[in-house]
PDB file of N, CA and C in Angstrom:
ATOM      1  N   UNK A   1      15.089  -4.561 -23.383  1.00  0.00           N
ATOM      2  CA  UNK A   1      15.454  -3.749 -22.258  1.00  0.00           C
ATOM      3  C   UNK A   1      15.774  -4.673 -21.082  1.00  0.00           C
ATOM      4  N   UNK A   2      16.942  -4.536 -20.518  1.00  0.00           N
ATOM      5  CA  UNK A   2      17.362  -5.374 -19.408  1.00  0.00           C
ATOM      6  C   UNK A   2      16.982  -4.715 -18.082  1.00  0.00           C
ATOM      7  N   UNK A   3      16.569  -5.555 -17.178  1.00  0.00           N
ATOM      8  CA  UNK A   3      16.258  -5.074 -15.831  1.00  0.00           C
ATOM      9  C   UNK A   3      17.423  -5.393 -14.915  1.00  0.00           C
ATOM     10  N   UNK A   4      17.759  -4.475 -14.114  1.00  0.00           N
ATOM     11  CA  UNK A   4      18.808  -4.720 -13.142  1.00  0.00           C
ATOM     12  C   UNK A   4      18.169  -5.119 -11.818  1.00  0.00           C
ATOM     13  N   UNK A   5      18.977  -5.598 -10.930  1.00  0.00           N
ATOM     14  CA  UNK A   5      18.486  -5.985  -9.619  1.00  0.00           C
ATOM     15  C   UNK A   5      17.891  -4.787  -8.888  1.00  0.00           C
ATOM     16  N   UNK A   6      18.495  -3.629  -9.066  1.00  0.00           N
ATOM     17  CA  UNK A   6      17.985  -2.416  -8.414  1.00  0.00           C
ATOM     18  C   UNK A   6      16.596  -2.055  -8.936  1.00  0.00           C
ATOM     19  N   UNK A   7      16.382  -2.191 -10.249  1.00  0.00           N
ATOM     20  CA  UNK A   7      15.061  -1.918 -10.810  1.00  0.00           C
ATOM     21  C   UNK A   7      14.019  -2.876 -10.249  1.00  0.00           C
ATOM     22  N   UNK A   8      14.382  -4.147 -10.147  1.00  0.00           N
ATOM     23  CA  UNK A   8      13.443  -5.131  -9.615  1.00  0.00           C
ATOM     24  C   UNK A   8      13.116  -4.863  -8.156  1.00  0.00           C
ATOM     25  N   UNK A   9      14.106  -4.463  -7.379  1.00  0.00           N
ATOM     26  CA  UNK A   9      13.857  -4.125  -5.982  1.00  0.00           C
ATOM     27  C   UNK A   9      12.954  -2.907  -5.852  1.00  0.00           C
ATOM     28  N   UNK A  10      13.182  -1.917  -6.718  1.00  0.00           N
ATOM     29  CA  UNK A  10      12.358  -0.712  -6.683  1.00  0.00           C
ATOM     30  C   UNK A  10      10.909  -1.038  -7.030  1.00  0.00           C
ATOM     31  N   UNK A  11      10.705  -1.865  -8.034  1.00  0.00           N
ATOM     32  CA  UNK A  11       9.347  -2.244  -8.426  1.00  0.00           C
ATOM     33  C   UNK A  11       8.675  -3.032  -7.304  1.00  0.00           C
ATOM     34  N   UNK A  12       9.420  -3.960  -6.712  1.00  0.00           N
ATOM     35  CA  UNK A  12       8.874  -4.731  -5.600  1.00  0.00           C
ATOM     36  C   UNK A  12       8.515  -3.857  -4.420  1.00  0.00           C
ATOM     37  N   UNK A  13       9.357  -2.874  -4.128  1.00  0.00           N
ATOM     38  CA  UNK A  13       9.084  -1.953  -3.032  1.00  0.00           C
ATOM     39  C   UNK A  13       7.846  -1.113  -3.327  1.00  0.00           C
ATOM     40  N   UNK A  14       7.724  -0.620  -4.565  1.00  0.00           N
ATOM     41  CA  UNK A  14       6.568   0.202  -4.929  1.00  0.00           C
ATOM     42  C   UNK A  14       5.271  -0.577  -4.799  1.00  0.00           C
ATOM     43  N   UNK A  15       5.296  -1.846  -5.183  1.00  0.00           N
ATOM     44  CA  UNK A  15       4.077  -2.641  -5.123  1.00  0.00           C
ATOM     45  C   UNK A  15       3.784  -3.160  -3.726  1.00  0.00           C
ATOM     46  N   UNK A  16       4.800  -3.423  -2.948  1.00  0.00           N
ATOM     47  CA  UNK A  16       4.597  -4.023  -1.646  1.00  0.00           C
ATOM     48  C   UNK A  16       4.463  -3.064  -0.488  1.00  0.00           C
ATOM     49  N   UNK A  17       4.952  -1.846  -0.629  1.00  0.00           N
ATOM     50  CA  UNK A  17       4.958  -0.897   0.477  1.00  0.00           C
ATOM     51  C   UNK A  17       3.569  -0.572   1.023  1.00  0.00           C
ATOM     52  N   UNK A  18       2.570  -0.270   0.181  1.00  0.00           N
ATOM     53  CA  UNK A  18       1.232   0.016   0.734  1.00  0.00           C
ATOM     54  C   UNK A  18       0.647  -1.174   1.500  1.00  0.00           C
ATOM     55  N   UNK A  19       0.872  -2.380   0.984  1.00  0.00           N
ATOM     56  CA  UNK A  19       0.364  -3.559   1.672  1.00  0.00           C
ATOM     57  C   UNK A  19       1.093  -3.787   2.989  1.00  0.00           C
ATOM     58  N   UNK A  20       2.388  -3.538   2.999  1.00  0.00           N
ATOM     59  CA  UNK A  20       3.168  -3.688   4.220  1.00  0.00           C
ATOM     60  C   UNK A  20       2.692  -2.708   5.293  1.00  0.00           C
ATOM     61  N   UNK A  21       2.436  -1.471   4.897  1.00  0.00           N
ATOM     62  CA  UNK A  21       1.921  -0.489   5.856  1.00  0.00           C
ATOM     63  C   UNK A  21       0.580  -0.917   6.432  1.00  0.00           C
ATOM     64  N   UNK A  22      -0.317  -1.378   5.587  1.00  0.00           N
ATOM     65  CA  UNK A  22      -1.625  -1.821   6.079  1.00  0.00           C
ATOM     66  C   UNK A  22      -1.491  -3.035   6.989  1.00  0.00           C
ATOM     67  N   UNK A  23      -0.611  -3.951   6.635  1.00  0.00           N
ATOM     68  CA  UNK A  23      -0.412  -5.131   7.463  1.00  0.00           C
ATOM     69  C   UNK A  23       0.149  -4.749   8.833  1.00  0.00           C
ATOM     70  N   UNK A  24       1.141  -3.880   8.852  1.00  0.00           N
ATOM     71  CA  UNK A  24       1.730  -3.468  10.126  1.00  0.00           C
ATOM     72  C   UNK A  24       0.725  -2.735  11.003  1.00  0.00           C
ATOM     73  N   UNK A  25      -0.084  -1.891  10.394  1.00  0.00           N
ATOM     74  CA  UNK A  25      -1.109  -1.168  11.144  1.00  0.00           C
ATOM     75  C   UNK A  25      -2.127  -2.133  11.735  1.00  0.00           C
ATOM     76  N   UNK A  26      -2.584  -3.084  10.943  1.00  0.00           N
ATOM     77  CA  UNK A  26      -3.554  -4.053  11.447  1.00  0.00           C
ATOM     78  C   UNK A  26      -2.942  -4.939  12.528  1.00  0.00           C
ATOM     79  N   UNK A  27      -1.700  -5.330  12.347  1.00  0.00           N
ATOM     80  CA  UNK A  27      -1.033  -6.154  13.354  1.00  0.00           C
ATOM     81  C   UNK A  27      -0.886  -5.380  14.663  1.00  0.00           C
ATOM     82  N   UNK A  28      -0.536  -4.120  14.581  1.00  0.00           N
ATOM     83  CA  UNK A  28      -0.411  -3.290  15.772  1.00  0.00           C
ATOM     84  C   UNK A  28      -1.762  -3.113  16.460  1.00  0.00           C
ATOM     85  N   UNK A  29      -2.795  -2.837  15.677  1.00  0.00           N
ATOM     86  CA  UNK A  29      -4.144  -2.677  16.233  1.00  0.00           C
ATOM     87  C   UNK A  29      -4.604  -3.966  16.904  1.00  0.00           C
ATOM     88  N   UNK A  30      -4.398  -5.091  16.262  1.00  0.00           N
ATOM     89  CA  UNK A  30      -4.804  -6.375  16.820  1.00  0.00           C
ATOM     90  C   UNK A  30      -3.982  -6.709  18.068  1.00  0.00           C
ATOM     91  N   UNK A  31      -2.679  -6.528  17.991  1.00  0.00           N
ATOM     92  CA  UNK A  31      -1.809  -6.846  19.124  1.00  0.00           C
ATOM     93  C   UNK A  31      -2.118  -6.009  20.344  1.00  0.00           C
ATOM     94  N   UNK A  32      -2.306  -4.716  20.147  1.00  0.00           N
ATOM     95  CA  UNK A  32      -2.614  -3.843  21.288  1.00  0.00           C
ATOM     96  C   UNK A  32      -3.989  -4.150  21.881  1.00  0.00           C
ATOM     97  N   UNK A  33      -4.952  -4.471  21.036  1.00  0.00           N
ATOM     98  CA  UNK A  33      -6.282  -4.776  21.566  1.00  0.00           C
ATOM     99  C   UNK A  33      -6.281  -6.103  22.326  1.00  0.00           C
ATOM    100  N   UNK A  34      -5.404  -7.027  21.937  1.00  0.00           N
ATOM    101  CA  UNK A  34      -5.315  -8.307  22.654  1.00  0.00           C
ATOM    102  C   UNK A  34      -4.776  -8.131  24.073  1.00  0.00           C
ATOM    103  N   UNK A  35      -3.894  -7.142  24.264  1.00  0.00           N
ATOM    104  CA  UNK A  35      -3.349  -6.935  25.605  1.00  0.00           C
ATOM    105  C   UNK A  35      -4.140  -5.890  26.387  1.00  0.00           C
ATOM    106  N   UNK A  36      -5.226  -5.391  25.789  1.00  0.00           N
ATOM    107  CA  UNK A  36      -6.118  -4.497  26.510  1.00  0.00           C
ATOM    108  C   UNK A  36      -5.862  -3.017  26.323  1.00  0.00           C
ATOM    109  N   UNK A  37      -4.977  -2.648  25.409  1.00  0.00           N
ATOM    110  CA  UNK A  37      -4.691  -1.238  25.153  1.00  0.00           C
ATOM    111  C   UNK A  37      -5.613  -0.758  24.033  1.00  0.00           C
ATOM    112  N   UNK A  38      -6.327   0.311  24.280  1.00  0.00           N
ATOM    113  CA  UNK A  38      -7.231   0.864  23.271  1.00  0.00           C
ATOM    114  C   UNK A  38      -6.735   2.237  22.852  1.00  0.00           C
ATOM    115  N   UNK A  39      -6.392   2.356  21.593  1.00  0.00           N
ATOM    116  CA  UNK A  39      -5.947   3.633  21.047  1.00  0.00           C
ATOM    117  C   UNK A  39      -6.889   4.036  19.907  1.00  0.00           C
ATOM    118  N   UNK A  40      -7.832   4.940  20.171  1.00  0.00           N
ATOM    119  CA  UNK A  40      -8.811   5.314  19.146  1.00  0.00           C
ATOM    120  C   UNK A  40      -8.176   5.896  17.889  1.00  0.00           C
ATOM    121  N   UNK A  41      -7.078   6.618  18.030  1.00  0.00           N
ATOM    122  CA  UNK A  41      -6.451   7.232  16.856  1.00  0.00           C
ATOM    123  C   UNK A  41      -5.852   6.182  15.926  1.00  0.00           C
ATOM    124  N   UNK A  42      -5.556   4.993  16.454  1.00  0.00           N
ATOM    125  CA  UNK A  42      -4.985   3.946  15.610  1.00  0.00           C
ATOM    126  C   UNK A  42      -6.006   3.439  14.598  1.00  0.00           C
ATOM    127  N   UNK A  43      -7.284   3.467  14.970  1.00  0.00           N
ATOM    128  CA  UNK A  43      -8.330   3.081  14.020  1.00  0.00           C
ATOM    129  C   UNK A  43      -8.427   4.101  12.886  1.00  0.00           C
ATOM    130  N   UNK A  44      -8.213   5.370  13.192  1.00  0.00           N
ATOM    131  CA  UNK A  44      -8.227   6.394  12.144  1.00  0.00           C
ATOM    132  C   UNK A  44      -7.024   6.231  11.222  1.00  0.00           C
ATOM    133  N   UNK A  45      -5.888   5.887  11.784  1.00  0.00           N
ATOM    134  CA  UNK A  45      -4.697   5.649  10.956  1.00  0.00           C
ATOM    135  C   UNK A  45      -4.953   4.488  10.005  1.00  0.00           C
ATOM    136  N   UNK A  46      -5.615   3.464  10.496  1.00  0.00           N
ATOM    137  CA  UNK A  46      -5.944   2.317   9.661  1.00  0.00           C
ATOM    138  C   UNK A  46      -6.833   2.736   8.492  1.00  0.00           C
ATOM    139  N   UNK A  47      -7.825   3.553   8.758  1.00  0.00           N
ATOM    140  CA  UNK A  47      -8.727   4.021   7.701  1.00  0.00           C
ATOM    141  C   UNK A  47      -7.987   4.901   6.697  1.00  0.00           C
ATOM    142  N   UNK A  48      -7.105   5.747   7.186  1.00  0.00           N
ATOM    143  CA  UNK A  48      -6.333   6.620   6.297  1.00  0.00           C
ATOM    144  C   UNK A  48      -5.404   5.787   5.412  1.00  0.00           C
ATOM    145  N   UNK A  49      -4.745   4.789   5.991  1.00  0.00           N
ATOM    146  CA  UNK A  49      -3.864   3.933   5.195  1.00  0.00           C
ATOM    147  C   UNK A  49      -4.641   3.137   4.156  1.00  0.00           C
ATOM    148  N   UNK A  50      -5.804   2.652   4.513  1.00  0.00           N
ATOM    149  CA  UNK A  50      -6.629   1.919   3.560  1.00  0.00           C
ATOM    150  C   UNK A  50      -7.069   2.825   2.412  1.00  0.00           C
ATOM    151  N   UNK A  51      -7.495   4.034   2.734  1.00  0.00           N
ATOM    152  CA  UNK A  51      -7.903   4.988   1.703  1.00  0.00           C
ATOM    153  C   UNK A  51      -6.727   5.365   0.808  1.00  0.00           C
ATOM    154  N   UNK A  52      -5.563   5.597   1.396  1.00  0.00           N
ATOM    155  CA  UNK A  52      -4.377   5.936   0.607  1.00  0.00           C
ATOM    156  C   UNK A  52      -3.981   4.785  -0.310  1.00  0.00           C
ATOM    157  N   UNK A  53      -4.102   3.556   0.171  1.00  0.00           N
ATOM    158  CA  UNK A  53      -3.776   2.402  -0.665  1.00  0.00           C
ATOM    159  C   UNK A  53      -4.736   2.286  -1.838  1.00  0.00           C
ATOM    160  N   UNK A  54      -6.009   2.488  -1.595  1.00  0.00           N
ATOM    161  CA  UNK A  54      -6.998   2.418  -2.672  1.00  0.00           C
ATOM    162  C   UNK A  54      -6.745   3.521  -3.696  1.00  0.00           C
ATOM    163  N   UNK A  55      -6.457   4.727  -3.239  1.00  0.00           N
ATOM    164  CA  UNK A  55      -6.168   5.828  -4.169  1.00  0.00           C
ATOM    165  C   UNK A  55      -4.897   5.557  -4.971  1.00  0.00           C
ATOM    166  N   UNK A  56      -3.885   5.018  -4.317  1.00  0.00           N
ATOM    167  CA  UNK A  56      -2.620   4.701  -4.988  1.00  0.00           C
ATOM    168  C   UNK A  56      -2.836   3.683  -6.106  1.00  0.00           C
ATOM    169  N   UNK A  57      -3.562   2.606  -5.821  1.00  0.00           N
ATOM    170  CA  UNK A  57      -3.784   1.582  -6.835  1.00  0.00           C
ATOM    171  C   UNK A  57      -4.733   2.063  -7.918  1.00  0.00           C
ATOM    172  N   UNK A  58      -5.677   2.931  -7.593  1.00  0.00           N
ATOM    173  CA  UNK A  58      -6.539   3.516  -8.618  1.00  0.00           C
ATOM    174  C   UNK A  58      -5.724   4.383  -9.564  1.00  0.00           C
ATOM    175  N   UNK A  59      -4.820   5.193  -9.017  1.00  0.00           N
ATOM    176  CA  UNK A  59      -3.951   6.024  -9.836  1.00  0.00           C
ATOM    177  C   UNK A  59      -3.085   5.158 -10.745  1.00  0.00           C
ATOM    178  N   UNK A  60      -2.494   4.095 -10.217  1.00  0.00           N
ATOM    179  CA  UNK A  60      -1.643   3.212 -11.013  1.00  0.00           C
ATOM    180  C   UNK A  60      -2.441   2.523 -12.109  1.00  0.00           C
ATOM    181  N   UNK A  61      -3.677   2.126 -11.802  1.00  0.00           N
ATOM    182  CA  UNK A  61      -4.517   1.477 -12.800  1.00  0.00           C
ATOM    183  C   UNK A  61      -4.880   2.440 -13.922  1.00  0.00           C
ATOM    184  N   UNK A  62      -5.237   3.657 -13.559  1.00  0.00           N
ATOM    185  CA  UNK A  62      -5.570   4.663 -14.577  1.00  0.00           C
ATOM    186  C   UNK A  62      -4.358   4.964 -15.442  1.00  0.00           C
ATOM    187  N   UNK A  63      -3.192   5.095 -14.825  1.00  0.00           N
ATOM    188  CA  UNK A  63      -1.968   5.357 -15.588  1.00  0.00           C
ATOM    189  C   UNK A  63      -1.642   4.203 -16.523  1.00  0.00           C
ATOM    190  N   UNK A  64      -1.826   2.963 -16.075  1.00  0.00           N
ATOM    191  CA  UNK A  64      -1.584   1.800 -16.921  1.00  0.00           C
ATOM    192  C   UNK A  64      -2.527   1.775 -18.104  1.00  0.00           C
ATOM    193  N   UNK A  65      -3.818   2.006 -17.840  1.00  0.00           N
ATOM    194  CA  UNK A  65      -4.812   1.986 -18.919  1.00  0.00           C
ATOM    195  C   UNK A  65      -4.550   3.096 -19.922  1.00  0.00           C
ATOM    196  N   UNK A  66      -4.187   4.277 -19.439  1.00  0.00           N
ATOM    197  CA  UNK A  66      -3.911   5.386 -20.365  1.00  0.00           C
ATOM    198  C   UNK A  66      -2.681   5.090 -21.223  1.00  0.00           C
ATOM    199  N   UNK A  67      -1.673   4.438 -20.658  1.00  0.00           N
ATOM    200  CA  UNK A  67      -0.503   4.060 -21.449  1.00  0.00           C
ATOM    201  C   UNK A  67      -0.844   3.009 -22.492  1.00  0.00           C
ATOM    202  N   UNK A  68      -1.703   2.057 -22.118  1.00  0.00           N
ATOM    203  CA  UNK A  68      -2.104   1.015 -23.067  1.00  0.00           C
ATOM    204  C   UNK A  68      -2.921   1.611 -24.203  1.00  0.00           C
ATOM    205  N   UNK A  69      -3.765   2.572 -23.886  1.00  0.00           N
ATOM    206  CA  UNK A  69      -4.583   3.202 -24.937  1.00  0.00           C
ATOM    207  C   UNK A  69      -3.738   4.054 -25.861  1.00  0.00           C
ATOM    208  N   UNK A  70      -2.699   4.697 -25.338  1.00  0.00           N
ATOM    209  CA  UNK A  70      -1.863   5.551 -26.177  1.00  0.00           C
ATOM    210  C   UNK A  70      -0.931   4.729 -27.064  1.00  0.00           C
ATOM    211  N   UNK A  71      -0.615   3.499 -26.669  1.00  0.00           N
ATOM    212  CA  UNK A  71       0.245   2.632 -27.475  1.00  0.00           C
ATOM    213  C   UNK A  71      -0.537   2.078 -28.639  1.00  0.00           C
ATOM    214  N   UNK A  72      -1.797   1.762 -28.428  1.00  0.00           N
ATOM    215  CA  UNK A  72      -2.619   1.131 -29.482  1.00  0.00           C
ATOM    216  C   UNK A  72      -2.942   2.089 -30.589  1.00  0.00           C
TER     217      UNK A  72
END
């Protein structure tokens, strides 16, 4: 099965997007706190993004394991 450039980009985006969101949120939280701006809701967004990332990777892991078990 050949992979095209579009497939590789899609896979890279799927794997990198949750990490990119968490990084941007943390960078924004850190940057704003350095200049003295305090936004309490931004801490909640950070927690929500972290929880969503953990759930996303748990789902992907379960799906991978179930596929491996069904192949064997």
